[in-house]
């Protein structure tokens, strides 16, 4: 999961970039919607991945470390 953390950060940057492009540049309606959909999908993916990393991976790693110490 730690190997995926840079990938999740890249996805989050893609989300921010596409959101800024769709919000600040005058584009045709369909292209603007495409950028909004890309930013929405990237945002959902990054949030789920970061949540799994923080709330699942790190506590499991900490529990494994505690088990090895005892």
N, C-alpha and C. Protein backbone atom coordinates (compact mmCIF):
# COMPACT_ATOMS: atom_id res chain seq x y z
N UNK A 1 0.82 -1.19 0.00
CA UNK A 1 0.00 0.00 0.00
C UNK A 1 0.87 1.26 0.00
N UNK A 2 2.03 1.21 0.66
CA UNK A 2 2.89 2.38 0.68
C UNK A 2 3.40 2.67 -0.72
N UNK A 3 3.59 1.63 -1.53
CA UNK A 3 4.04 1.84 -2.90
C UNK A 3 3.00 2.62 -3.69
N UNK A 4 1.74 2.51 -3.33
CA UNK A 4 0.67 3.19 -4.05
C UNK A 4 0.47 4.64 -3.62
N UNK A 5 1.10 5.05 -2.56
CA UNK A 5 0.90 6.40 -2.06
C UNK A 5 1.33 7.47 -3.07
N UNK A 6 2.48 7.35 -3.74
CA UNK A 6 2.80 8.35 -4.77
C UNK A 6 1.79 8.35 -5.92
N UNK A 7 1.28 7.19 -6.27
CA UNK A 7 0.26 7.11 -7.31
C UNK A 7 -1.00 7.85 -6.87
N UNK A 8 -1.39 7.69 -5.63
CA UNK A 8 -2.58 8.39 -5.13
C UNK A 8 -2.36 9.89 -5.10
N UNK A 9 -1.15 10.31 -4.78
CA UNK A 9 -0.86 11.74 -4.80
C UNK A 9 -0.92 12.27 -6.23
N UNK A 10 -0.44 11.48 -7.19
CA UNK A 10 -0.51 11.89 -8.60
C UNK A 10 -1.96 12.00 -9.05
N UNK A 11 -2.79 11.05 -8.63
CA UNK A 11 -4.21 11.09 -8.97
C UNK A 11 -4.85 12.35 -8.39
N UNK A 12 -4.49 12.68 -7.19
CA UNK A 12 -5.03 13.89 -6.56
C UNK A 12 -4.58 15.14 -7.31
N UNK A 13 -3.34 15.17 -7.78
CA UNK A 13 -2.87 16.30 -8.57
C UNK A 13 -3.59 16.39 -9.91
N UNK A 14 -3.87 15.24 -10.53
CA UNK A 14 -4.64 15.23 -11.78
C UNK A 14 -6.03 15.79 -11.53
N UNK A 15 -6.61 15.44 -10.42
CA UNK A 15 -7.95 15.94 -10.07
C UNK A 15 -7.93 17.45 -9.93
N UNK A 16 -6.94 17.97 -9.22
CA UNK A 16 -6.86 19.41 -9.01
C UNK A 16 -6.62 20.12 -10.35
N UNK A 17 -5.75 19.55 -11.17
CA UNK A 17 -5.45 20.16 -12.47
C UNK A 17 -6.68 20.20 -13.36
N UNK A 18 -7.38 19.09 -13.46
CA UNK A 18 -8.55 19.06 -14.33
C UNK A 18 -9.66 19.94 -13.80
N UNK A 19 -9.77 20.04 -12.49
CA UNK A 19 -10.77 20.93 -11.90
C UNK A 19 -10.44 22.39 -12.20
N UNK A 20 -9.16 22.75 -12.08
CA UNK A 20 -8.75 24.13 -12.38
C UNK A 20 -8.94 24.45 -13.86
N UNK A 21 -8.64 23.51 -14.73
CA UNK A 21 -8.80 23.74 -16.17
C UNK A 21 -10.27 23.95 -16.50
N UNK A 22 -11.12 23.09 -15.97
CA UNK A 22 -12.55 23.20 -16.30
C UNK A 22 -13.18 24.45 -15.70
N UNK A 23 -12.62 24.93 -14.60
CA UNK A 23 -13.20 26.10 -13.95
C UNK A 23 -12.70 27.42 -14.46
N UNK A 24 -11.48 27.45 -15.00
CA UNK A 24 -10.90 28.75 -15.36
C UNK A 24 -10.84 29.02 -16.86
N UNK A 25 -10.94 27.99 -17.68
CA UNK A 25 -10.81 28.17 -19.13
C UNK A 25 -12.19 28.04 -19.76
N UNK A 26 -12.48 28.90 -20.73
CA UNK A 26 -13.74 28.80 -21.46
C UNK A 26 -13.63 27.68 -22.49
N UNK A 27 -14.29 26.58 -22.21
CA UNK A 27 -14.29 25.42 -23.09
C UNK A 27 -15.70 25.17 -23.58
N UNK A 28 -15.81 24.33 -24.59
CA UNK A 28 -17.15 23.95 -25.03
C UNK A 28 -17.79 23.10 -23.93
N UNK A 29 -19.10 22.99 -23.98
CA UNK A 29 -19.84 22.31 -22.92
C UNK A 29 -19.42 20.87 -22.70
N UNK A 30 -19.22 20.12 -23.78
CA UNK A 30 -18.89 18.71 -23.63
C UNK A 30 -17.48 18.52 -23.06
N UNK A 31 -16.54 19.34 -23.50
CA UNK A 31 -15.17 19.20 -22.97
C UNK A 31 -15.13 19.61 -21.50
N UNK A 32 -15.88 20.62 -21.16
CA UNK A 32 -15.93 21.03 -19.75
C UNK A 32 -16.49 19.92 -18.88
N UNK A 33 -17.54 19.24 -19.35
CA UNK A 33 -18.11 18.14 -18.59
C UNK A 33 -17.15 16.97 -18.49
N UNK A 34 -16.38 16.74 -19.55
CA UNK A 34 -15.39 15.65 -19.50
C UNK A 34 -14.36 15.94 -18.41
N UNK A 35 -13.85 17.18 -18.34
CA UNK A 35 -12.90 17.53 -17.30
C UNK A 35 -13.52 17.41 -15.91
N UNK A 36 -14.77 17.81 -15.77
CA UNK A 36 -15.43 17.69 -14.47
C UNK A 36 -15.60 16.23 -14.06
N UNK A 37 -15.94 15.37 -15.00
CA UNK A 37 -16.10 13.94 -14.70
C UNK A 37 -14.75 13.32 -14.35
N UNK A 38 -13.70 13.70 -15.08
CA UNK A 38 -12.36 13.20 -14.76
C UNK A 38 -11.94 13.63 -13.36
N UNK A 39 -12.20 14.88 -13.02
CA UNK A 39 -11.82 15.35 -11.69
C UNK A 39 -12.63 14.67 -10.61
N UNK A 40 -13.90 14.39 -10.87
CA UNK A 40 -14.73 13.69 -9.89
C UNK A 40 -14.24 12.27 -9.67
N UNK A 41 -13.97 11.54 -10.73
CA UNK A 41 -13.50 10.17 -10.62
C UNK A 41 -12.13 10.12 -9.93
N UNK A 42 -11.23 11.02 -10.32
CA UNK A 42 -9.91 11.05 -9.69
C UNK A 42 -10.01 11.40 -8.21
N UNK A 43 -10.91 12.30 -7.87
CA UNK A 43 -11.08 12.69 -6.47
C UNK A 43 -11.61 11.53 -5.64
N UNK A 44 -12.60 10.84 -6.14
CA UNK A 44 -13.16 9.69 -5.41
C UNK A 44 -12.10 8.61 -5.23
N UNK A 45 -11.35 8.32 -6.30
CA UNK A 45 -10.30 7.30 -6.22
C UNK A 45 -9.23 7.68 -5.20
N UNK A 46 -8.78 8.92 -5.23
CA UNK A 46 -7.73 9.37 -4.31
C UNK A 46 -8.22 9.37 -2.86
N UNK A 47 -9.44 9.79 -2.63
CA UNK A 47 -9.97 9.83 -1.26
C UNK A 47 -10.13 8.42 -0.71
N UNK A 48 -10.65 7.50 -1.51
CA UNK A 48 -10.79 6.12 -1.05
C UNK A 48 -9.43 5.50 -0.78
N UNK A 49 -8.48 5.73 -1.68
CA UNK A 49 -7.14 5.17 -1.49
C UNK A 49 -6.44 5.72 -0.26
N UNK A 50 -6.51 7.04 -0.06
CA UNK A 50 -5.90 7.64 1.13
C UNK A 50 -6.59 7.17 2.40
N UNK A 51 -7.90 7.04 2.37
CA UNK A 51 -8.62 6.56 3.54
C UNK A 51 -8.23 5.13 3.90
N UNK A 52 -8.11 4.29 2.88
CA UNK A 52 -7.67 2.92 3.13
C UNK A 52 -6.27 2.89 3.71
N UNK A 53 -5.41 3.76 3.20
CA UNK A 53 -4.04 3.80 3.70
C UNK A 53 -4.00 4.23 5.16
N UNK A 54 -4.75 5.25 5.50
CA UNK A 54 -4.69 5.80 6.86
C UNK A 54 -5.45 4.93 7.85
N UNK A 55 -6.64 4.46 7.48
CA UNK A 55 -7.50 3.78 8.44
C UNK A 55 -7.38 2.26 8.43
N UNK A 56 -6.73 1.68 7.42
CA UNK A 56 -6.59 0.22 7.37
C UNK A 56 -5.12 -0.19 7.43
N UNK A 57 -4.33 0.32 6.50
CA UNK A 57 -2.95 -0.14 6.38
C UNK A 57 -2.11 0.24 7.60
N UNK A 58 -2.14 1.49 8.01
CA UNK A 58 -1.31 1.93 9.12
C UNK A 58 -1.66 1.24 10.45
N UNK A 59 -2.95 1.10 10.82
CA UNK A 59 -3.25 0.36 12.05
C UNK A 59 -2.85 -1.11 11.99
N UNK A 60 -3.00 -1.75 10.83
CA UNK A 60 -2.60 -3.15 10.70
C UNK A 60 -1.10 -3.27 10.85
N UNK A 61 -0.35 -2.36 10.22
CA UNK A 61 1.10 -2.37 10.34
C UNK A 61 1.52 -2.18 11.79
N UNK A 62 0.83 -1.27 12.49
CA UNK A 62 1.16 -1.02 13.90
C UNK A 62 0.85 -2.24 14.76
N UNK A 63 -0.27 -2.91 14.48
CA UNK A 63 -0.63 -4.12 15.23
C UNK A 63 0.37 -5.24 14.97
N UNK A 64 0.81 -5.40 13.73
CA UNK A 64 1.82 -6.41 13.42
C UNK A 64 3.11 -6.13 14.16
N UNK A 65 3.49 -4.87 14.22
CA UNK A 65 4.72 -4.50 14.93
C UNK A 65 4.59 -4.81 16.42
N UNK A 66 3.43 -4.53 17.00
CA UNK A 66 3.21 -4.83 18.41
C UNK A 66 3.23 -6.33 18.69
N UNK A 67 2.70 -7.13 17.78
CA UNK A 67 2.71 -8.58 17.94
C UNK A 67 4.13 -9.15 17.88
N UNK A 68 4.95 -8.58 17.00
CA UNK A 68 6.32 -9.05 16.88
C UNK A 68 7.14 -8.71 18.11
N UNK A 69 6.82 -7.61 18.77
CA UNK A 69 7.57 -7.19 19.96
C UNK A 69 7.23 -8.03 21.18
N UNK A 70 6.04 -8.60 21.23
CA UNK A 70 5.65 -9.37 22.42
C UNK A 70 6.00 -10.81 22.30
